Amino acid sequence: MTHSQFQTDSPDKTTDSKQLLDAIIEGLHEKKAKDVKLLDVRELTTLTDYFLICHGTSETQIRALANSAMEKVKETLGENVWKQEGMDARRWIILDYVNVVVHIFSEEKREYYGIERMWNDAVITEVEDK
């Protein structure tokens, strides 16, 4: 079964996940994202393959992180984000690329919602800045 059979309004996975992750991570690191973690959830859900989680130190930085990630993906792969949420509030921005979902938090919201704890069965990788 494909992803689109579960959510009929979502596109199929198109871009190679590794290329997509590399572009997003590069965009996040350019704006100094904090504590970047990759959660491999392929064995746990059909909604997506990966969650990429990080936080920023201010609302301005959180928005800059999201914009940088989207710009890097567009520039590198020619792909737009499928859905985005939280750009106005800037405390928790979600960028949905279907096979990769990016969560950019304020540090306080990241701790409160605890996605890493919620998905603790995922393979979690610390993503270091190069």
C-alpha atoms as a PDB file:
ATOM      1  CA  MET A   1       0.000   0.000   0.000  1.00  0.00           C
ATOM      2  CA  THR A   2       1.238   3.471  -0.800  1.00  0.00           C
ATOM      3  CA  HIS A   3       1.142   6.514   1.412  1.00  0.00           C
ATOM      4  CA  SER A   4      -1.530   8.081  -0.790  1.00  0.00           C
ATOM      5  CA  GLN A   5      -3.958   5.212  -0.108  1.00  0.00           C
ATOM      6  CA  PHE A   6      -4.128   6.304   3.532  1.00  0.00           C
ATOM      7  CA  GLN A   7      -4.365  10.034   2.900  1.00  0.00           C
ATOM      8  CA  THR A   8      -6.044  10.573  -0.428  1.00  0.00           C
ATOM      9  CA  ASP A   9      -5.230  14.278  -0.544  1.00  0.00           C
ATOM     10  CA  SER A  10      -1.447  13.848  -0.175  1.00  0.00           C
ATOM     11  CA  PRO A  11       0.979  13.410  -3.024  1.00  0.00           C
ATOM     12  CA  ASP A  12       3.052  10.282  -3.453  1.00  0.00           C
ATOM     13  CA  LYS A  13       6.623  10.316  -2.210  1.00  0.00           C
ATOM     14  CA  THR A  14       8.729  11.679  -5.023  1.00  0.00           C
ATOM     15  CA  THR A  15      12.175  12.825  -3.974  1.00  0.00           C
ATOM     16  CA  ASP A  16      14.721  10.413  -2.603  1.00  0.00           C
ATOM     17  CA  SER A  17      14.581  10.751   1.198  1.00  0.00           C
ATOM     18  CA  LYS A  18      18.369  11.004   1.561  1.00  0.00           C
ATOM     19  CA  GLN A  19      18.599  13.930  -0.878  1.00  0.00           C
ATOM     20  CA  LEU A  20      15.645  15.617   0.776  1.00  0.00           C
ATOM     21  CA  LEU A  21      17.099  15.159   4.267  1.00  0.00           C
ATOM     22  CA  ASP A  22      20.490  16.475   3.142  1.00  0.00           C
ATOM     23  CA  ALA A  23      18.919  19.632   1.689  1.00  0.00           C
ATOM     24  CA  ILE A  24      16.729  20.277   4.743  1.00  0.00           C
ATOM     25  CA  ILE A  25      19.597  19.679   7.166  1.00  0.00           C
ATOM     26  CA  GLU A  26      21.864  22.006   5.203  1.00  0.00           C
ATOM     27  CA  GLY A  27      19.198  24.717   5.365  1.00  0.00           C
ATOM     28  CA  LEU A  28      18.714  24.216   9.107  1.00  0.00           C
ATOM     29  CA  HIS A  29      22.439  24.284   9.835  1.00  0.00           C
ATOM     30  CA  GLU A  30      22.904  27.480   7.805  1.00  0.00           C
ATOM     31  CA  LYS A  31      20.663  29.228  10.349  1.00  0.00           C
ATOM     32  CA  LYS A  32      22.222  27.512  13.389  1.00  0.00           C
ATOM     33  CA  ALA A  33      19.447  25.063  14.353  1.00  0.00           C
ATOM     34  CA  LYS A  34      19.860  23.613  17.833  1.00  0.00           C
ATOM     35  CA  ASP A  35      19.892  19.908  18.762  1.00  0.00           C
ATOM     36  CA  VAL A  36      18.941  18.492  15.347  1.00  0.00           C
ATOM     37  CA  LYS A  37      17.665  14.914  15.551  1.00  0.00           C
ATOM     38  CA  LEU A  38      16.490  12.509  12.875  1.00  0.00           C
ATOM     39  CA  LEU A  39      13.821   9.972  13.826  1.00  0.00           C
ATOM     40  CA  ASP A  40      13.445   7.031  11.454  1.00  0.00           C
ATOM     41  CA  VAL A  41       9.782   6.059  11.815  1.00  0.00           C
ATOM     42  CA  ARG A  42       9.452   3.830   8.726  1.00  0.00           C
ATOM     43  CA  GLU A  43       8.809   0.737  10.880  1.00  0.00           C
ATOM     44  CA  LEU A  44       6.310   2.556  13.128  1.00  0.00           C
ATOM     45  CA  THR A  45       3.910   4.457  10.863  1.00  0.00           C
ATOM     46  CA  THR A  46       2.747   4.811   7.284  1.00  0.00           C
ATOM     47  CA  LEU A  47       2.366   8.590   7.621  1.00  0.00           C
ATOM     48  CA  THR A  48       5.988   9.437   6.828  1.00  0.00           C
ATOM     49  CA  ASP A  49       9.471   7.936   6.762  1.00  0.00           C
ATOM     50  CA  TYR A  50      11.328  10.458   8.908  1.00  0.00           C
ATOM     51  CA  PHE A  51      10.803  13.211  11.444  1.00  0.00           C
ATOM     52  CA  LEU A  52      13.516  15.844  11.571  1.00  0.00           C
ATOM     53  CA  ILE A  53      13.379  17.787  14.831  1.00  0.00           C
ATOM     54  CA  CYS A  54      15.234  20.882  15.994  1.00  0.00           C
ATOM     55  CA  HIS A  55      14.693  24.089  17.887  1.00  0.00           C
ATOM     56  CA  GLY A  56      15.588  27.737  17.655  1.00  0.00           C
ATOM     57  CA  THR A  57      16.304  30.325  20.319  1.00  0.00           C
ATOM     58  CA  SER A  58      13.800  32.997  19.205  1.00  0.00           C
ATOM     59  CA  GLU A  59      10.683  33.369  17.069  1.00  0.00           C
ATOM     60  CA  THR A  60      12.803  35.156  14.467  1.00  0.00           C
ATOM     61  CA  GLN A  61      15.274  32.270  14.303  1.00  0.00           C
ATOM     62  CA  ILE A  62      12.497  29.658  14.178  1.00  0.00           C
ATOM     63  CA  ARG A  63      10.981  31.352  11.124  1.00  0.00           C
ATOM     64  CA  ALA A  64      14.450  31.755   9.561  1.00  0.00           C
ATOM     65  CA  LEU A  65      15.106  28.016  10.068  1.00  0.00           C
ATOM     66  CA  ALA A  66      11.872  27.104   8.287  1.00  0.00           C
ATOM     67  CA  ASN A  67      12.500  29.527   5.425  1.00  0.00           C
ATOM     68  CA  SER A  68      16.091  28.350   5.019  1.00  0.00           C
ATOM     69  CA  ALA A  69      15.041  24.678   4.875  1.00  0.00           C
ATOM     70  CA  MET A  70      12.310  25.406   2.307  1.00  0.00           C
ATOM     71  CA  GLU A  71      14.634  27.553   0.191  1.00  0.00           C
ATOM     72  CA  LYS A  72      17.403  24.929   0.227  1.00  0.00           C
ATOM     73  CA  VAL A  73      14.993  22.162  -0.875  1.00  0.00           C
ATOM     74  CA  LYS A  74      13.576  24.375  -3.645  1.00  0.00           C
ATOM     75  CA  GLU A  75      17.059  25.425  -4.802  1.00  0.00           C
ATOM     76  CA  THR A  76      18.598  21.939  -4.626  1.00  0.00           C
ATOM     77  CA  LEU A  77      15.713  19.671  -5.641  1.00  0.00           C
ATOM     78  CA  GLY A  78      13.162  22.010  -7.210  1.00  0.00           C
ATOM     79  CA  GLU A  79      10.532  20.787  -4.768  1.00  0.00           C
ATOM     80  CA  ASN A  80       8.087  22.814  -2.699  1.00  0.00           C
ATOM     81  CA  VAL A  81       6.858  21.924   0.762  1.00  0.00           C
ATOM     82  CA  TRP A  82       3.548  20.031   0.521  1.00  0.00           C
ATOM     83  CA  LYS A  83       2.053  21.528   3.704  1.00  0.00           C
ATOM     84  CA  GLN A  84       3.292  23.926   6.330  1.00  0.00           C
ATOM     85  CA  GLU A  85       1.832  25.010   9.637  1.00  0.00           C
ATOM     86  CA  GLY A  86       2.800  27.449  12.368  1.00  0.00           C
ATOM     87  CA  MET A  87       4.613  30.110  10.328  1.00  0.00           C
ATOM     88  CA  ASP A  88       2.595  32.872  11.998  1.00  0.00           C
ATOM     89  CA  ALA A  89       2.894  31.674  15.605  1.00  0.00           C
ATOM     90  CA  ARG A  90       6.571  30.654  15.192  1.00  0.00           C
ATOM     91  CA  ARG A  91       6.681  28.436  18.278  1.00  0.00           C
ATOM     92  CA  TRP A  92       6.255  25.151  16.416  1.00  0.00           C
ATOM     93  CA  ILE A  93       6.544  25.102  12.648  1.00  0.00           C
ATOM     94  CA  ILE A  94       5.831  21.924  10.711  1.00  0.00           C
ATOM     95  CA  LEU A  95       7.098  21.444   7.161  1.00  0.00           C
ATOM     96  CA  ASP A  96       5.563  18.376   5.537  1.00  0.00           C
ATOM     97  CA  TYR A  97       7.446  16.960   2.565  1.00  0.00           C
ATOM     98  CA  VAL A  98       5.386  13.719   2.718  1.00  0.00           C
ATOM     99  CA  ASN A  99       8.306  11.335   3.311  1.00  0.00           C
ATOM    100  CA  VAL A 100      10.045  13.792   5.670  1.00  0.00           C
ATOM    101  CA  VAL A 101       8.223  15.923   8.243  1.00  0.00           C
ATOM    102  CA  VAL A 102      10.259  18.721   9.818  1.00  0.00           C
ATOM    103  CA  HIS A 103       9.389  20.016  13.307  1.00  0.00           C
ATOM    104  CA  ILE A 104      11.005  23.326  14.258  1.00  0.00           C
ATOM    105  CA  PHE A 105      10.242  24.287  17.841  1.00  0.00           C
ATOM    106  CA  SER A 106      10.978  26.875  20.444  1.00  0.00           C
ATOM    107  CA  GLU A 107      13.007  25.097  23.129  1.00  0.00           C
ATOM    108  CA  GLU A 108      10.079  25.370  25.557  1.00  0.00           C
ATOM    109  CA  LYS A 109       7.546  23.839  23.122  1.00  0.00           C
ATOM    110  CA  ARG A 110       9.967  21.083  22.142  1.00  0.00           C
ATOM    111  CA  GLU A 111      10.372  20.048  25.761  1.00  0.00           C
ATOM    112  CA  TYR A 112       6.635  20.303  26.434  1.00  0.00           C
ATOM    113  CA  TYR A 113       5.497  18.193  23.460  1.00  0.00           C
ATOM    114  CA  GLY A 114       8.367  15.706  23.663  1.00  0.00           C
ATOM    115  CA  ILE A 115       8.149  14.187  20.200  1.00  0.00           C
ATOM    116  CA  GLU A 116      11.363  12.265  20.825  1.00  0.00           C
ATOM    117  CA  ARG A 117       9.750  10.699  23.915  1.00  0.00           C
ATOM    118  CA  MET A 118       6.489  10.014  22.083  1.00  0.00           C
ATOM    119  CA  TRP A 119       8.339   8.230  19.245  1.00  0.00           C
ATOM    120  CA  ASN A 120      10.977   6.594  21.465  1.00  0.00           C
ATOM    121  CA  ASP A 121      10.752   3.342  19.458  1.00  0.00           C
ATOM    122  CA  ALA A 122      12.146   5.174  16.428  1.00  0.00           C
ATOM    123  CA  VAL A 123      15.808   4.956  15.488  1.00  0.00           C
ATOM    124  CA  ILE A 124      17.059   8.372  16.650  1.00  0.00           C
ATOM    125  CA  THR A 125      20.206   9.928  15.194  1.00  0.00           C
ATOM    126  CA  GLU A 126      21.920  13.118  16.370  1.00  0.00           C
ATOM    127  CA  VAL A 127      22.640  15.261  13.316  1.00  0.00           C
ATOM    128  CA  GLU A 128      25.912  17.155  13.754  1.00  0.00           C
ATOM    129  CA  ASP A 129      26.722  20.348  11.892  1.00  0.00           C
ATOM    130  CA  LYS A 130      29.478  19.706   9.358  1.00  0.00           C
END
